[in-house]
């Protein structure tokens, strides 16, 4: 008898597409991925999305429907030797119809490892189904990507997650002589706090059943305690990191203080002071700019205070800065002006600096005329008409 522990999330993993919660945009009745699977064809595919959204589950369901020999690798532990072993099996009695390779976490394979599969994907002897939690357009080798269809898996809604929570509760209660009583609100709390990660929700159910003791009741207080911060999805090196900071900055630009505070809170909750400070400092110049130039020193003071205070007190000057930026008048004239100037320089439109503006050290070294610079302070209003741009750009207007 095999006494090895099997996690509940793995035990109740769906066996058909109808049992998969969420992902209706690709697995619904008219979803493209469902239609592909039901057609019996298996193209090369890359499943992209957060953990616990069904990528591995769907890949396994597809693998079970194919006549090809299934091989599984996890890129976090596999290496080039594992790939070679699969390649060596091709065209043998072990893989008469070719191989369906399920490669989990493909982002951990380097370029050479990914390239080793290319020839066999190209001629069809290996069909690849890969999953990744990171943007495949950045982490997957271009030649592999061009031969694959990318499907995005989205965080599962709380309503959909409730289905999985209830299924887990029913299974665990069926194993008990006396089913546990579930206090009102427990299911909703677990589903809402899992952050769209069904595996996390099922693990919470399993833990609550293990910790119930002899009382026979799963209490809402315990569900709240076990799910603290569970809804947070944040990876310092992954997409969520940049998405949250991007959403915060765009909310500032869009003059929505409530949204800006929401995304600020998500970044604060995981202690990302550096990312927050960089974005709000940038917004002060990029989005507010000359409409309210004082925003720059004010935000700089808030950032300095936050860094000196540290968390949790840093939340106060950071929130102050966000509210100020979100409610301040907006102007991107600075961005437009400097970017146009940079565009000309990068396009080679530079020309010679007018003689009048050159350093005076050049005077008397063979130039046919003296510098001729007009000193503005010697003229009424401290201004005099004079060409400052090179001849090639003399009529160019940036601002």
Protein backbone atom coordinates (compact mmCIF):
# COMPACT_ATOMS: atom_id res chain seq x y z
CA UNK A 1 0.00 0.00 0.00
CA UNK A 2 1.36 3.42 -0.98
CA UNK A 3 1.24 5.64 2.11
CA UNK A 4 2.80 8.70 0.49
CA UNK A 5 0.97 11.94 1.16
CA UNK A 6 -0.93 13.37 -1.80
CA UNK A 7 -1.89 17.03 -1.55
CA UNK A 8 -5.62 17.60 -1.75
CA UNK A 9 -5.15 20.05 -4.62
CA UNK A 10 -3.55 17.30 -6.68
CA UNK A 11 -6.07 14.69 -5.62
CA UNK A 12 -9.08 16.67 -6.81
CA UNK A 13 -7.41 18.01 -9.93
CA UNK A 14 -10.05 18.15 -12.72
CA UNK A 15 -10.05 15.31 -15.24
CA UNK A 16 -12.05 17.10 -17.93
CA UNK A 17 -12.28 20.62 -19.29
CA UNK A 18 -15.81 20.92 -17.88
CA UNK A 19 -14.42 20.57 -14.36
CA UNK A 20 -11.81 23.32 -14.73
CA UNK A 21 -12.89 26.44 -12.86
CA UNK A 22 -12.38 29.80 -14.57
CA UNK A 23 -10.69 30.43 -17.94
CA UNK A 24 -14.02 30.68 -19.74
CA UNK A 25 -12.44 33.03 -22.28
CA UNK A 26 -10.48 30.08 -23.70
CA UNK A 27 -12.26 27.01 -22.26
CA UNK A 28 -15.91 28.07 -22.48
CA UNK A 29 -18.23 26.40 -24.96
CA UNK A 30 -16.94 28.58 -27.79
CA UNK A 31 -13.45 29.08 -26.39
CA UNK A 32 -10.62 28.68 -28.88
CA UNK A 33 -8.56 26.32 -26.72
CA UNK A 34 -11.55 24.07 -26.06
CA UNK A 35 -12.28 23.89 -29.79
CA UNK A 36 -8.67 22.99 -30.52
CA UNK A 37 -8.64 20.25 -27.87
CA UNK A 38 -11.98 18.80 -29.01
CA UNK A 39 -10.79 18.74 -32.61
CA UNK A 40 -8.17 16.18 -31.65
CA UNK A 41 -5.27 18.28 -32.92
CA UNK A 42 -2.44 19.23 -30.62
CA UNK A 43 -0.37 22.18 -31.83
CA UNK A 44 2.62 23.55 -29.94
CA UNK A 45 1.24 25.72 -27.16
CA UNK A 46 2.48 27.96 -24.38
CA UNK A 47 0.25 28.52 -21.37
CA UNK A 48 0.97 31.83 -19.68
CA UNK A 49 -0.49 32.98 -16.38
CA UNK A 50 -0.19 33.07 -12.59
CA UNK A 51 0.15 29.98 -10.42
CA UNK A 52 -2.95 28.01 -9.55
CA UNK A 53 -4.99 29.02 -12.60
CA UNK A 54 -5.16 25.60 -14.29
CA UNK A 55 -2.22 25.59 -16.70
CA UNK A 56 -0.85 22.22 -15.57
CA UNK A 57 -4.32 20.75 -15.24
CA UNK A 58 -5.32 21.67 -18.79
CA UNK A 59 -1.99 20.42 -20.16
CA UNK A 60 -2.56 17.04 -18.47
CA UNK A 61 -6.10 16.80 -19.85
CA UNK A 62 -4.80 17.49 -23.35
CA UNK A 63 -1.99 14.95 -22.90
CA UNK A 64 -4.48 12.25 -21.94
CA UNK A 65 -6.43 12.81 -25.15
CA UNK A 66 -3.44 12.45 -27.46
CA UNK A 67 -2.03 9.24 -28.91
CA UNK A 68 1.50 10.50 -28.43
CA UNK A 69 3.85 9.37 -25.69
CA UNK A 70 3.73 11.84 -22.84
CA UNK A 71 6.94 13.14 -21.27
CA UNK A 72 7.03 15.70 -18.49
CA UNK A 73 9.84 18.02 -17.46
CA UNK A 74 10.03 20.83 -14.96
CA UNK A 75 12.55 23.42 -16.08
CA UNK A 76 13.43 24.29 -12.49
CA UNK A 77 15.12 20.89 -12.06
CA UNK A 78 15.60 19.49 -15.58
CA UNK A 79 18.71 20.03 -17.70
CA UNK A 80 20.09 19.35 -21.14
CA UNK A 81 20.67 15.68 -20.23
CA UNK A 82 16.93 15.23 -19.63
CA UNK A 83 16.16 16.73 -23.02
CA UNK A 84 18.70 14.42 -24.69
CA UNK A 85 17.08 11.37 -23.10
CA UNK A 86 13.75 12.34 -24.65
CA UNK A 87 15.39 13.02 -28.02
CA UNK A 88 17.09 9.61 -27.90
CA UNK A 89 13.68 7.96 -27.58
CA UNK A 90 12.39 9.50 -30.79
CA UNK A 91 11.87 7.14 -33.74
CA UNK A 92 12.00 4.10 -31.41
CA UNK A 93 9.35 1.67 -30.22
CA UNK A 94 9.11 3.78 -27.03
CA UNK A 95 7.59 6.69 -28.93
CA UNK A 96 5.94 5.30 -32.07
CA UNK A 97 3.77 8.36 -32.67
CA UNK A 98 6.20 10.96 -31.43
CA UNK A 99 6.36 12.74 -28.09
CA UNK A 100 4.09 15.20 -26.38
CA UNK A 101 6.42 17.13 -24.07
CA UNK A 102 4.85 18.99 -21.19
CA UNK A 103 7.48 21.49 -20.02
CA UNK A 104 6.55 23.31 -16.84
CA UNK A 105 8.14 26.68 -15.97
CA UNK A 106 9.87 27.01 -19.34
CA UNK A 107 11.24 30.41 -18.30
CA UNK A 108 13.93 28.60 -16.32
CA UNK A 109 15.38 26.99 -19.47
CA UNK A 110 18.17 29.07 -20.96
CA UNK A 111 18.40 29.81 -24.69
CA UNK A 112 20.61 26.80 -25.42
CA UNK A 113 18.25 24.42 -23.64
CA UNK A 114 15.25 25.79 -25.51
CA UNK A 115 17.11 25.69 -28.83
CA UNK A 116 17.88 21.98 -28.36
CA UNK A 117 14.16 21.28 -28.86
CA UNK A 118 13.79 23.41 -31.95
CA UNK A 119 14.70 20.86 -34.65
CA UNK A 120 12.28 18.28 -33.27
CA UNK A 121 9.45 20.76 -32.83
CA UNK A 122 10.05 21.91 -36.39
CA UNK A 123 9.68 18.43 -37.92
CA UNK A 124 6.79 17.47 -35.63
CA UNK A 125 8.43 14.64 -33.70
CA UNK A 126 7.98 16.63 -30.49
CA UNK A 127 4.81 18.55 -29.73
CA UNK A 128 5.43 21.08 -26.99
CA UNK A 129 3.02 22.25 -24.33
CA UNK A 130 4.90 24.66 -22.07
CA UNK A 131 3.73 26.70 -19.12
CA UNK A 132 5.17 29.85 -17.63
CA UNK A 133 4.25 32.42 -15.03
CA UNK A 134 6.30 35.06 -16.83
CA UNK A 135 5.59 36.90 -20.06
CA UNK A 136 6.57 34.40 -22.80
CA UNK A 137 7.42 37.21 -25.21
CA UNK A 138 10.34 38.03 -22.93
CA UNK A 139 11.39 34.64 -21.57
CA UNK A 140 10.79 32.19 -24.43
CA UNK A 141 13.26 31.90 -27.31
CA UNK A 142 11.85 33.60 -30.40
CA UNK A 143 12.05 30.57 -32.69
CA UNK A 144 10.10 28.46 -30.17
CA UNK A 145 7.60 31.26 -29.69
CA UNK A 146 7.01 31.65 -33.44
CA UNK A 147 6.09 27.96 -33.69
CA UNK A 148 3.68 28.03 -30.75
CA UNK A 149 0.29 29.47 -29.89
CA UNK A 150 0.18 31.42 -26.63
CA UNK A 151 -2.87 31.11 -24.39
CA UNK A 152 -3.19 33.42 -21.39
CA UNK A 153 -4.62 31.99 -18.17
CA UNK A 154 -6.15 34.65 -15.93
CA UNK A 155 -6.59 34.71 -12.14
CA UNK A 156 -9.72 32.79 -11.18
CA UNK A 157 -12.59 34.92 -9.91
CA UNK A 158 -13.81 34.48 -6.35
CA UNK A 159 -17.14 33.11 -7.61
CA UNK A 160 -15.38 30.44 -9.66
CA UNK A 161 -12.96 29.65 -6.84
CA UNK A 162 -15.93 28.93 -4.56
CA UNK A 163 -16.77 25.91 -6.72
CA UNK A 164 -13.35 24.41 -6.05
CA UNK A 165 -13.57 25.22 -2.32
CA UNK A 166 -16.95 23.51 -2.03
CA UNK A 167 -15.67 20.47 -3.93
CA UNK A 168 -12.73 20.21 -1.54
CA UNK A 169 -14.98 20.53 1.52
CA UNK A 170 -17.36 17.87 0.24
CA UNK A 171 -14.51 15.43 -0.41
CA UNK A 172 -12.94 15.89 3.03
CA UNK A 173 -16.29 15.70 4.80
CA UNK A 174 -17.12 12.48 2.95
CA UNK A 175 -14.10 10.86 4.62
CA UNK A 176 -15.24 11.73 8.14
CA UNK A 177 -17.69 9.86 10.29
CA UNK A 178 -19.20 13.18 11.30
CA UNK A 179 -18.88 15.98 8.72
CA UNK A 180 -17.51 19.26 9.97
CA UNK A 181 -19.79 22.23 10.36
CA UNK A 182 -18.73 25.20 8.23
CA UNK A 183 -19.56 28.61 9.67
CA UNK A 184 -21.25 31.09 7.32
CA UNK A 185 -18.76 33.17 5.37
CA UNK A 186 -15.91 30.63 5.45
CA UNK A 187 -16.25 29.51 1.84
CA UNK A 188 -16.56 33.05 0.56
CA UNK A 189 -13.58 34.21 2.63
CA UNK A 190 -11.29 31.46 1.35
CA UNK A 191 -12.36 31.98 -2.26
CA UNK A 192 -12.02 35.76 -2.09
CA UNK A 193 -8.64 35.75 -0.38
CA UNK A 194 -6.83 33.24 -2.59
CA UNK A 195 -5.91 35.91 -5.13
CA UNK A 196 -7.23 33.90 -8.06
CA UNK A 197 -5.05 30.88 -7.13
CA UNK A 198 -7.29 27.81 -6.83
CA UNK A 199 -4.47 25.68 -5.46
CA UNK A 200 -4.00 28.15 -2.62
CA UNK A 201 -7.72 28.03 -1.81
CA UNK A 202 -7.78 24.21 -1.70
CA UNK A 203 -4.65 24.14 0.46
CA UNK A 204 -6.40 26.50 2.88
CA UNK A 205 -9.36 24.13 3.10
CA UNK A 206 -7.07 21.18 3.78
CA UNK A 207 -5.24 23.07 6.50
CA UNK A 208 -8.47 24.17 8.19
CA UNK A 209 -9.72 20.57 8.27
CA UNK A 210 -6.41 19.42 9.74
CA UNK A 211 -6.54 22.07 12.47
CA UNK A 212 -10.18 21.72 13.47
CA UNK A 213 -9.47 19.34 16.33
CA UNK A 214 -12.41 17.76 18.12
CA UNK A 215 -14.61 20.82 17.98
CA UNK A 216 -16.10 19.79 14.68
CA UNK A 217 -16.47 23.34 13.39
CA UNK A 218 -14.47 25.37 10.91
CA UNK A 219 -14.76 28.92 12.15
CA UNK A 220 -14.69 32.11 10.13
CA UNK A 221 -12.02 33.56 12.44
CA UNK A 222 -9.67 30.72 11.51
CA UNK A 223 -10.40 31.20 7.82
CA UNK A 224 -9.57 34.90 8.16
CA UNK A 225 -6.35 34.13 10.00
CA UNK A 226 -5.17 31.53 7.53
CA UNK A 227 -5.89 33.72 4.53
CA UNK A 228 -4.15 36.90 5.66
CA UNK A 229 -2.30 38.44 2.70
CA UNK A 230 -3.19 35.42 0.59
CA UNK A 231 -4.82 37.58 -2.06
CA UNK A 232 -1.50 39.25 -2.82
CA UNK A 233 0.22 38.29 -6.05
CA UNK A 234 3.60 39.95 -6.18
CA UNK A 235 6.86 38.75 -7.63
CA UNK A 236 9.76 41.19 -7.44
CA UNK A 237 11.18 39.85 -10.72
CA UNK A 238 7.96 38.95 -12.48
CA UNK A 239 5.08 40.57 -14.33
CA UNK A 240 2.99 41.34 -11.27
CA UNK A 241 5.72 43.59 -9.87
CA UNK A 242 5.71 45.79 -12.94
CA UNK A 243 1.95 45.59 -13.44
CA UNK A 244 1.21 46.98 -9.98
CA UNK A 245 3.71 49.81 -10.28
CA UNK A 246 2.51 50.57 -13.81
CA UNK A 247 -1.10 50.64 -12.64
CA UNK A 248 -0.19 53.01 -9.80
CA UNK A 249 1.61 55.43 -12.12
CA UNK A 250 -1.17 55.35 -14.72
CA UNK A 251 -3.73 56.01 -12.00
CA UNK A 252 -1.72 59.05 -10.92
CA UNK A 253 -1.60 60.20 -14.54
CA UNK A 254 -5.33 59.61 -14.86
CA UNK A 255 -6.09 61.74 -11.76
CA UNK A 256 -7.70 58.87 -9.84
CA UNK A 257 -6.46 59.10 -6.22
CA UNK A 258 -8.51 56.09 -5.11
CA UNK A 259 -6.97 53.74 -7.66
CA UNK A 260 -3.52 55.19 -7.00
CA UNK A 261 -3.89 54.50 -3.27
CA UNK A 262 -5.09 50.95 -3.97
CA UNK A 263 -2.01 50.05 -6.01
CA UNK A 264 0.21 51.94 -3.59
CA UNK A 265 -1.22 49.79 -0.78
CA UNK A 266 -0.48 46.60 -2.72
CA UNK A 267 3.13 47.66 -3.23
CA UNK A 268 3.48 48.78 0.40
CA UNK A 269 2.09 45.49 1.67
CA UNK A 270 5.09 43.66 0.24
CA UNK A 271 7.55 46.38 1.23
CA UNK A 272 8.56 47.60 -2.23
CA UNK A 273 9.68 51.07 -1.20
CA UNK A 274 12.24 51.34 -4.00
CA UNK A 275 9.72 50.70 -6.77
CA UNK A 276 7.17 53.07 -5.27
CA UNK A 277 9.62 55.92 -4.77
CA UNK A 278 11.03 55.64 -8.27
CA UNK A 279 7.60 55.74 -9.90
CA UNK A 280 6.19 58.69 -7.96
CA UNK A 281 9.37 60.71 -8.46
CA UNK A 282 9.09 60.05 -12.19
CA UNK A 283 5.39 60.97 -12.24
CA UNK A 284 6.08 64.35 -10.66
CA UNK A 285 8.13 65.37 -13.71
CA UNK A 286 6.54 63.22 -16.40
CA UNK A 287 2.84 63.72 -15.71
CA UNK A 288 2.57 66.91 -13.65
CA UNK A 289 5.62 68.71 -15.00
CA UNK A 290 5.31 72.43 -15.60
CA UNK A 291 1.61 72.46 -14.71
CA UNK A 292 2.79 72.40 -11.08
CA UNK A 293 6.61 72.43 -10.88
CA UNK A 294 6.52 72.44 -7.07
CA UNK A 295 5.34 68.83 -7.19
CA UNK A 296 8.96 67.74 -7.72
CA UNK A 297 10.43 69.11 -4.46
CA UNK A 298 7.32 68.13 -2.50
CA UNK A 299 7.41 64.53 -3.73
CA UNK A 300 11.17 64.40 -3.19
CA UNK A 301 10.60 65.46 0.43
CA UNK A 302 7.93 62.75 0.82
CA UNK A 303 10.27 60.12 -0.63
CA UNK A 304 13.12 61.18 1.67
CA UNK A 305 10.77 61.01 4.66
CA UNK A 306 9.52 57.57 3.65
CA UNK A 307 13.01 56.17 3.25
CA UNK A 308 14.12 57.65 6.57
CA UNK A 309 11.04 56.45 8.43
CA UNK A 310 10.81 52.98 6.91
CA UNK A 311 7.64 50.92 7.01
CA UNK A 312 5.00 51.02 8.35
CA UNK A 313 5.26 54.79 8.92
CA UNK A 314 6.51 55.34 5.37
CA UNK A 315 2.98 54.71 4.15
CA UNK A 316 1.97 58.22 5.28
CA UNK A 317 4.32 60.43 3.21
CA UNK A 318 3.93 58.03 0.27
CA UNK A 319 0.15 58.30 0.42
CA UNK A 320 0.47 62.07 0.72
CA UNK A 321 2.62 62.17 -2.42
CA UNK A 322 0.20 59.95 -4.36
CA UNK A 323 -2.85 62.01 -3.43
CA UNK A 324 -1.01 65.22 -4.36
CA UNK A 325 0.07 63.85 -7.76
CA UNK A 326 -3.33 62.37 -8.56
CA UNK A 327 -5.16 65.63 -7.81
CA UNK A 328 -2.57 68.01 -9.30
CA UNK A 329 -2.96 69.62 -12.76
CA UNK A 330 -1.27 67.63 -15.51
CA UNK A 331 1.17 68.51 -18.30
CA UNK A 332 3.47 66.32 -20.36
CA UNK A 333 5.06 69.24 -22.22
CA UNK A 334 8.45 68.43 -20.67
CA UNK A 335 8.29 64.84 -21.91
CA UNK A 336 7.28 65.84 -25.42
CA UNK A 337 9.95 68.54 -25.63
CA UNK A 338 12.95 66.51 -24.48
CA UNK A 339 11.88 63.42 -26.44
CA UNK A 340 11.63 65.41 -29.66
CA UNK A 341 15.05 66.93 -29.02
CA UNK A 342 16.51 63.48 -28.32
CA UNK A 343 14.86 62.18 -31.47
CA UNK A 344 16.66 64.76 -33.59
CA UNK A 345 20.00 64.07 -31.93
CA UNK A 346 19.64 60.31 -32.39
CA UNK A 347 18.69 60.85 -36.02
CA UNK A 348 21.97 62.68 -36.58
CA UNK A 349 20.43 66.14 -36.80
CA UNK A 350 23.07 68.01 -34.85
CA UNK A 351 24.99 70.40 -37.09
CA UNK A 352 27.78 72.72 -36.03
CA UNK A 353 27.36 74.83 -32.92
CA UNK A 354 26.97 78.49 -34.00
CA UNK A 355 30.24 80.42 -33.76
CA UNK A 356 28.59 82.86 -31.39
CA UNK A 357 28.03 80.10 -28.83
CA UNK A 358 31.39 78.39 -28.98
CA UNK A 359 33.78 78.55 -26.07
CA UNK A 360 35.88 81.75 -26.13
CA UNK A 361 39.07 79.69 -26.03
CA UNK A 362 38.73 79.42 -29.82
CA UNK A 363 39.08 83.16 -30.39
CA UNK A 364 42.27 84.16 -32.17
CA UNK A 365 43.21 80.63 -33.26
CA UNK A 366 42.66 81.09 -36.95
CA UNK A 367 38.92 81.81 -37.10
CA UNK A 368 38.04 84.35 -39.74
CA UNK A 369 35.82 86.30 -37.41
CA UNK A 370 35.52 86.92 -33.72
CA UNK A 371 32.91 85.12 -31.72
CA UNK A 372 30.35 87.90 -31.90
CA UNK A 373 28.32 86.60 -28.98
CA UNK A 374 25.64 89.01 -27.77
CA UNK A 375 25.42 89.08 -23.97
CA UNK A 376 21.65 89.22 -23.21
CA UNK A 377 22.09 91.10 -19.91
CA UNK A 378 23.45 94.09 -21.80
CA UNK A 379 20.14 94.56 -23.61
CA UNK A 380 16.72 95.83 -22.49
CA UNK A 381 14.72 93.14 -20.78
CA UNK A 382 17.84 90.93 -20.66
CA UNK A 383 17.02 89.55 -24.10
CA UNK A 384 18.36 89.96 -27.63
CA UNK A 385 17.52 88.11 -30.84
CA UNK A 386 20.30 85.66 -31.61
CA UNK A 387 20.57 82.21 -33.22
CA UNK A 388 21.22 79.47 -30.68
CA UNK A 389 20.36 76.29 -32.58
CA UNK A 390 22.66 74.91 -35.29
CA UNK A 391 21.83 76.05 -38.84
CA UNK A 392 20.28 72.67 -39.65
CA UNK A 393 17.76 73.07 -36.82
CA UNK A 394 17.49 76.85 -36.50
CA UNK A 395 13.71 76.92 -36.93
CA UNK A 396 13.00 73.77 -34.89
CA UNK A 397 10.46 74.16 -32.07
CA UNK A 398 10.45 71.64 -29.23
CA UNK A 399 8.52 73.53 -26.58
